[in-house]
């Protein structure tokens, strides 16, 4: 049961783009938008806080990502678990936020290719 609770909590942490998870939490801008980084961080912090995770984790997207990977084993598996965005959109969002570069559609992350974090 403890593992199921972990999966449920972890799954709430990355429904960050184009979602309706919590009406009080904003959604992230499209991954190619110049506003993506700021909006992703705000959305991530809101969803994290509403899931009840510690504030220190919610204020650090790297810790949030680590928790997600520790729980699911890979970004792909974590993104397959959620159902509010496509698997690829979820992967693109996290990879662009943390590493920058290009999306799976060869578009520049955040409009510039720069990482957010």
N, C-alpha and C. Protein backbone atom coordinates (compact mmCIF):
# COMPACT_ATOMS: atom_id res chain seq x y z
N UNK A 1 0.82 -1.20 0.00
CA UNK A 1 0.00 0.00 0.00
C UNK A 1 0.86 1.26 0.00
N UNK A 2 1.97 1.25 0.73
CA UNK A 2 2.86 2.39 0.77
C UNK A 2 3.33 2.77 -0.62
N UNK A 3 3.64 1.77 -1.45
CA UNK A 3 4.09 2.05 -2.82
C UNK A 3 2.97 2.70 -3.63
N UNK A 4 1.74 2.26 -3.46
CA UNK A 4 0.62 2.87 -4.18
C UNK A 4 0.42 4.32 -3.78
N UNK A 5 0.60 4.62 -2.52
CA UNK A 5 0.49 6.01 -2.06
C UNK A 5 1.60 6.84 -2.68
N UNK A 6 2.82 6.30 -2.71
CA UNK A 6 3.93 7.01 -3.34
C UNK A 6 3.64 7.28 -4.81
N UNK A 7 3.11 6.29 -5.50
CA UNK A 7 2.80 6.46 -6.92
C UNK A 7 1.75 7.55 -7.12
N UNK A 8 0.74 7.57 -6.28
CA UNK A 8 -0.31 8.57 -6.39
C UNK A 8 0.25 9.97 -6.15
N UNK A 9 1.04 10.13 -5.10
CA UNK A 9 1.62 11.43 -4.79
C UNK A 9 2.56 11.86 -5.91
N UNK A 10 3.42 10.95 -6.33
CA UNK A 10 4.37 11.30 -7.39
C UNK A 10 3.67 11.65 -8.69
N UNK A 11 2.58 10.98 -8.97
CA UNK A 11 1.90 11.23 -10.24
C UNK A 11 1.30 12.63 -10.30
N UNK A 12 1.04 13.23 -9.17
CA UNK A 12 0.47 14.58 -9.16
C UNK A 12 1.51 15.64 -9.44
N UNK A 13 2.79 15.27 -9.39
CA UNK A 13 3.85 16.26 -9.46
C UNK A 13 4.19 16.75 -10.85
N UNK A 14 3.76 16.07 -11.84
CA UNK A 14 4.22 16.46 -13.17
C UNK A 14 3.10 16.61 -14.17
N UNK A 15 1.89 16.81 -13.70
CA UNK A 15 0.77 17.09 -14.60
C UNK A 15 0.75 18.60 -14.81
N UNK A 16 1.78 19.11 -15.43
CA UNK A 16 2.03 20.54 -15.37
C UNK A 16 1.69 21.32 -16.62
N UNK A 17 1.38 20.66 -17.67
CA UNK A 17 1.18 21.37 -18.92
C UNK A 17 -0.19 21.04 -19.49
N UNK A 18 -0.99 22.06 -19.71
CA UNK A 18 -2.33 21.87 -20.29
C UNK A 18 -3.18 20.90 -19.50
N UNK A 19 -3.27 21.09 -18.20
CA UNK A 19 -4.01 20.15 -17.39
C UNK A 19 -5.10 20.83 -16.59
N UNK A 20 -5.99 20.04 -16.04
CA UNK A 20 -7.03 20.55 -15.18
C UNK A 20 -6.97 19.87 -13.83
N UNK A 21 -5.77 19.53 -13.37
CA UNK A 21 -5.61 18.79 -12.12
C UNK A 21 -6.22 19.52 -10.94
N UNK A 22 -5.90 20.78 -10.82
CA UNK A 22 -6.42 21.56 -9.71
C UNK A 22 -6.87 22.90 -10.25
N UNK A 23 -8.11 23.23 -10.03
CA UNK A 23 -8.63 24.48 -10.58
C UNK A 23 -7.90 25.69 -10.02
N UNK A 24 -7.27 25.55 -8.87
CA UNK A 24 -6.56 26.68 -8.29
C UNK A 24 -5.11 26.77 -8.74
N UNK A 25 -4.60 25.77 -9.45
CA UNK A 25 -3.22 25.80 -9.94
C UNK A 25 -3.21 26.21 -11.41
N UNK A 26 -2.25 27.05 -11.77
CA UNK A 26 -2.14 27.44 -13.18
C UNK A 26 -1.57 26.31 -14.02
N UNK A 27 -1.71 26.42 -15.32
CA UNK A 27 -1.09 25.47 -16.24
C UNK A 27 0.15 26.12 -16.83
N UNK A 28 1.10 25.29 -17.22
CA UNK A 28 2.32 25.79 -17.84
C UNK A 28 2.02 26.24 -19.27
N UNK A 29 2.74 27.26 -19.68
CA UNK A 29 2.67 27.69 -21.08
C UNK A 29 3.25 26.60 -21.97
N UNK A 30 2.97 26.64 -23.25
CA UNK A 30 3.56 25.64 -24.16
C UNK A 30 5.09 25.62 -24.03
N UNK A 31 5.66 24.46 -24.20
CA UNK A 31 7.09 24.25 -23.98
C UNK A 31 7.97 25.12 -24.88
N UNK A 32 7.46 25.58 -26.00
CA UNK A 32 8.25 26.42 -26.91
C UNK A 32 8.05 27.92 -26.65
N UNK A 33 7.21 28.27 -25.70
CA UNK A 33 6.94 29.66 -25.37
C UNK A 33 8.06 30.25 -24.52
N UNK A 34 8.31 31.55 -24.71
CA UNK A 34 9.32 32.20 -23.87
C UNK A 34 8.86 32.26 -22.41
N UNK A 35 7.58 32.07 -22.16
CA UNK A 35 7.05 32.07 -20.80
C UNK A 35 7.05 30.69 -20.14
N UNK A 36 7.52 29.67 -20.87
CA UNK A 36 7.45 28.30 -20.36
C UNK A 36 8.14 28.13 -19.00
N UNK A 37 9.38 28.59 -18.88
CA UNK A 37 10.15 28.34 -17.65
C UNK A 37 9.43 28.85 -16.41
N UNK A 38 9.04 30.11 -16.46
CA UNK A 38 8.37 30.71 -15.30
C UNK A 38 7.05 30.00 -15.01
N UNK A 39 6.28 29.73 -16.05
CA UNK A 39 4.97 29.11 -15.84
C UNK A 39 5.09 27.67 -15.36
N UNK A 40 6.09 26.95 -15.84
CA UNK A 40 6.30 25.57 -15.40
C UNK A 40 6.65 25.54 -13.91
N UNK A 41 7.54 26.44 -13.49
CA UNK A 41 7.94 26.50 -12.08
C UNK A 41 6.74 26.82 -11.18
N UNK A 42 5.95 27.80 -11.56
CA UNK A 42 4.77 28.18 -10.77
C UNK A 42 3.78 27.02 -10.70
N UNK A 43 3.53 26.39 -11.83
CA UNK A 43 2.59 25.26 -11.85
C UNK A 43 3.13 24.10 -11.02
N UNK A 44 4.41 23.81 -11.17
CA UNK A 44 5.02 22.70 -10.41
C UNK A 44 4.91 22.94 -8.92
N UNK A 45 5.24 24.15 -8.49
CA UNK A 45 5.16 24.47 -7.06
C UNK A 45 3.74 24.36 -6.54
N UNK A 46 2.79 24.83 -7.29
CA UNK A 46 1.39 24.77 -6.87
C UNK A 46 0.91 23.33 -6.75
N UNK A 47 1.16 22.52 -7.78
CA UNK A 47 0.71 21.12 -7.75
C UNK A 47 1.41 20.34 -6.65
N UNK A 48 2.68 20.62 -6.45
CA UNK A 48 3.44 19.94 -5.40
C UNK A 48 2.86 20.29 -4.03
N UNK A 49 2.66 21.57 -3.79
CA UNK A 49 2.12 22.00 -2.49
C UNK A 49 0.73 21.41 -2.26
N UNK A 50 -0.08 21.35 -3.30
CA UNK A 50 -1.43 20.82 -3.13
C UNK A 50 -1.43 19.31 -2.90
N UNK A 51 -0.32 18.65 -3.24
CA UNK A 51 -0.23 17.20 -3.00
C UNK A 51 0.27 16.90 -1.59
N UNK A 52 0.70 17.93 -0.86
CA UNK A 52 1.12 17.73 0.52
C UNK A 52 2.59 17.41 0.72
N UNK A 53 3.40 17.52 -0.33
CA UNK A 53 4.83 17.27 -0.17
C UNK A 53 5.50 18.44 0.55
N UNK A 54 6.66 18.19 1.14
CA UNK A 54 7.35 19.25 1.90
C UNK A 54 7.69 20.46 1.02
N UNK A 55 7.61 21.63 1.63
CA UNK A 55 7.86 22.89 0.93
C UNK A 55 9.24 22.91 0.28
N UNK A 56 10.25 22.38 0.96
CA UNK A 56 11.61 22.38 0.40
C UNK A 56 11.65 21.62 -0.92
N UNK A 57 10.91 20.55 -1.01
CA UNK A 57 10.86 19.79 -2.26
C UNK A 57 10.07 20.56 -3.31
N UNK A 58 9.00 21.18 -2.91
CA UNK A 58 8.16 21.91 -3.85
C UNK A 58 8.86 23.12 -4.45
N UNK A 59 9.79 23.69 -3.73
CA UNK A 59 10.51 24.87 -4.21
C UNK A 59 11.73 24.52 -5.03
N UNK A 60 11.98 23.23 -5.26
CA UNK A 60 13.16 22.81 -6.00
C UNK A 60 12.76 21.75 -7.03
N UNK A 61 12.69 22.16 -8.27
CA UNK A 61 12.25 21.24 -9.33
C UNK A 61 13.20 20.06 -9.50
N UNK A 62 14.49 20.25 -9.16
CA UNK A 62 15.43 19.13 -9.24
C UNK A 62 15.08 18.05 -8.22
N UNK A 63 14.71 18.46 -7.01
CA UNK A 63 14.28 17.48 -6.00
C UNK A 63 12.97 16.81 -6.42
N UNK A 64 12.10 17.58 -6.98
CA UNK A 64 10.82 17.05 -7.46
C UNK A 64 11.05 16.00 -8.54
N UNK A 65 11.93 16.31 -9.48
CA UNK A 65 12.26 15.38 -10.56
C UNK A 65 12.90 14.11 -9.99
N UNK A 66 13.82 14.28 -9.05
CA UNK A 66 14.48 13.12 -8.43
C UNK A 66 13.45 12.23 -7.75
N UNK A 67 12.51 12.82 -7.05
CA UNK A 67 11.46 12.05 -6.38
C UNK A 67 10.64 11.26 -7.40
N UNK A 68 10.33 11.90 -8.50
CA UNK A 68 9.56 11.26 -9.55
C UNK A 68 10.33 10.07 -10.14
N UNK A 69 11.61 10.25 -10.41
CA UNK A 69 12.43 9.18 -10.98
C UNK A 69 12.64 8.07 -9.95
N UNK A 70 12.86 8.43 -8.70
CA UNK A 70 13.00 7.42 -7.65
C UNK A 70 11.75 6.56 -7.54
N UNK A 71 10.60 7.17 -7.73
CA UNK A 71 9.33 6.44 -7.61
C UNK A 71 9.04 5.57 -8.82
N UNK A 72 9.26 6.11 -10.01
CA UNK A 72 8.87 5.40 -11.23
C UNK A 72 10.02 4.70 -11.96
N UNK A 73 11.23 5.09 -11.68
CA UNK A 73 12.39 4.45 -12.31
C UNK A 73 12.88 5.15 -13.56
N UNK A 74 12.01 5.88 -14.25
CA UNK A 74 12.42 6.62 -15.44
C UNK A 74 11.39 7.70 -15.73
N UNK A 75 11.82 8.69 -16.48
CA UNK A 75 10.89 9.75 -16.88
C UNK A 75 9.79 9.18 -17.77
N UNK A 76 10.15 8.31 -18.67
CA UNK A 76 9.15 7.71 -19.57
C UNK A 76 8.07 6.98 -18.77
N UNK A 77 8.47 6.19 -17.79
CA UNK A 77 7.48 5.47 -16.98
C UNK A 77 6.62 6.43 -16.18
N UNK A 78 7.23 7.46 -15.64
CA UNK A 78 6.47 8.46 -14.88
C UNK A 78 5.45 9.14 -15.79
N UNK A 79 5.87 9.48 -16.99
CA UNK A 79 4.97 10.15 -17.92
C UNK A 79 3.89 9.21 -18.45
N UNK A 80 4.19 7.93 -18.54
CA UNK A 80 3.17 6.96 -18.94
C UNK A 80 2.11 6.79 -17.85
N UNK A 81 2.49 7.01 -16.60
CA UNK A 81 1.57 6.83 -15.48
C UNK A 81 0.50 7.91 -15.45
N UNK A 82 0.88 9.13 -15.82
CA UNK A 82 -0.08 10.23 -15.80
C UNK A 82 -0.94 10.18 -17.06
N UNK A 83 -2.10 10.82 -17.00
CA UNK A 83 -3.03 10.77 -18.13
C UNK A 83 -3.53 12.15 -18.56
N UNK A 84 -2.91 13.21 -18.06
CA UNK A 84 -3.41 14.54 -18.37
C UNK A 84 -2.71 15.20 -19.55
N UNK A 85 -1.57 14.67 -19.95
CA UNK A 85 -0.89 15.13 -21.16
C UNK A 85 -0.41 13.89 -21.89
N UNK A 86 0.02 14.08 -23.12
CA UNK A 86 0.61 12.93 -23.82
C UNK A 86 1.93 12.58 -23.14
N UNK A 87 2.35 11.36 -23.30
CA UNK A 87 3.63 10.93 -22.73
C UNK A 87 4.74 11.81 -23.27
N UNK A 88 4.74 12.05 -24.57
CA UNK A 88 5.82 12.84 -25.17
C UNK A 88 5.82 14.28 -24.69
N UNK A 89 4.65 14.87 -24.51
CA UNK A 89 4.58 16.24 -24.00
C UNK A 89 5.15 16.32 -22.59
N UNK A 90 4.81 15.36 -21.77
CA UNK A 90 5.35 15.30 -20.41
C UNK A 90 6.88 15.19 -20.44
N UNK A 91 7.39 14.31 -21.29
CA UNK A 91 8.85 14.14 -21.41
C UNK A 91 9.49 15.43 -21.91
N UNK A 92 8.92 16.02 -22.95
CA UNK A 92 9.47 17.28 -23.49
C UNK A 92 9.49 18.37 -22.42
N UNK A 93 8.41 18.50 -21.66
CA UNK A 93 8.34 19.53 -20.62
C UNK A 93 9.48 19.38 -19.62
N UNK A 94 9.63 18.18 -19.08
CA UNK A 94 10.68 17.97 -18.07
C UNK A 94 12.08 18.11 -18.67
N UNK A 95 12.30 17.54 -19.86
CA UNK A 95 13.63 17.63 -20.46
C UNK A 95 13.98 19.07 -20.82
N UNK A 96 13.02 19.82 -21.34
CA UNK A 96 13.27 21.22 -21.66
C UNK A 96 13.52 22.03 -20.40
N UNK A 97 12.73 21.80 -19.38
CA UNK A 97 12.92 22.56 -18.14
C UNK A 97 14.31 22.33 -17.57
N UNK A 98 14.72 21.08 -17.49
CA UNK A 98 15.98 20.75 -16.83
C UNK A 98 17.21 20.89 -17.72
N UNK A 99 17.07 20.60 -19.02
CA UNK A 99 18.26 20.53 -19.87
C UNK A 99 18.25 21.48 -21.07
N UNK A 100 17.11 21.96 -21.47
CA UNK A 100 17.04 22.81 -22.65
C UNK A 100 17.24 22.00 -23.92
N UNK A 101 17.59 22.68 -24.98
CA UNK A 101 17.79 22.00 -26.26
C UNK A 101 16.55 22.07 -27.13
N UNK A 102 16.25 20.94 -27.76
CA UNK A 102 15.11 20.87 -28.67
C UNK A 102 14.08 19.88 -28.16
N UNK A 103 12.83 20.13 -28.49
CA UNK A 103 11.76 19.19 -28.17
C UNK A 103 11.85 18.00 -29.12
N UNK A 104 11.00 17.05 -28.91
CA UNK A 104 10.94 15.88 -29.80
C UNK A 104 10.51 16.27 -31.22
N UNK A 105 9.95 17.46 -31.37
CA UNK A 105 9.56 17.98 -32.69
C UNK A 105 10.60 18.94 -33.27
N UNK A 106 11.80 18.93 -32.66
CA UNK A 106 12.92 19.78 -33.09
C UNK A 106 12.63 21.27 -32.96
N UNK A 107 11.82 21.64 -31.98
CA UNK A 107 11.54 23.04 -31.68
C UNK A 107 12.39 23.45 -30.47
N UNK A 108 12.85 24.69 -30.47
CA UNK A 108 13.69 25.17 -29.38
C UNK A 108 12.89 25.27 -28.08
N UNK A 109 13.41 24.64 -27.05
CA UNK A 109 12.78 24.74 -25.72
C UNK A 109 12.73 26.21 -25.31
N UNK A 110 11.62 26.63 -24.77
CA UNK A 110 11.41 27.99 -24.28
C UNK A 110 11.66 29.05 -25.35
N UNK A 111 11.64 28.66 -26.60
CA UNK A 111 11.87 29.59 -27.69
C UNK A 111 13.34 29.90 -27.95
N UNK A 112 14.21 29.52 -27.02
CA UNK A 112 15.64 29.84 -27.16
C UNK A 112 16.54 28.62 -27.13
N UNK A 113 16.03 27.51 -26.65
CA UNK A 113 16.84 26.31 -26.48
C UNK A 113 17.53 26.23 -25.13
N UNK A 114 17.41 27.28 -24.34
CA UNK A 114 18.07 27.31 -23.03
C UNK A 114 17.28 26.51 -22.00
N UNK A 115 18.01 25.91 -21.07
CA UNK A 115 17.37 25.22 -19.94
C UNK A 115 16.78 26.25 -19.00
N UNK A 116 15.78 25.85 -18.25
CA UNK A 116 15.17 26.74 -17.26
C UNK A 116 15.94 26.71 -15.95
N UNK A 117 16.33 25.52 -15.56
CA UNK A 117 16.94 25.33 -14.23
C UNK A 117 18.43 25.21 -14.33
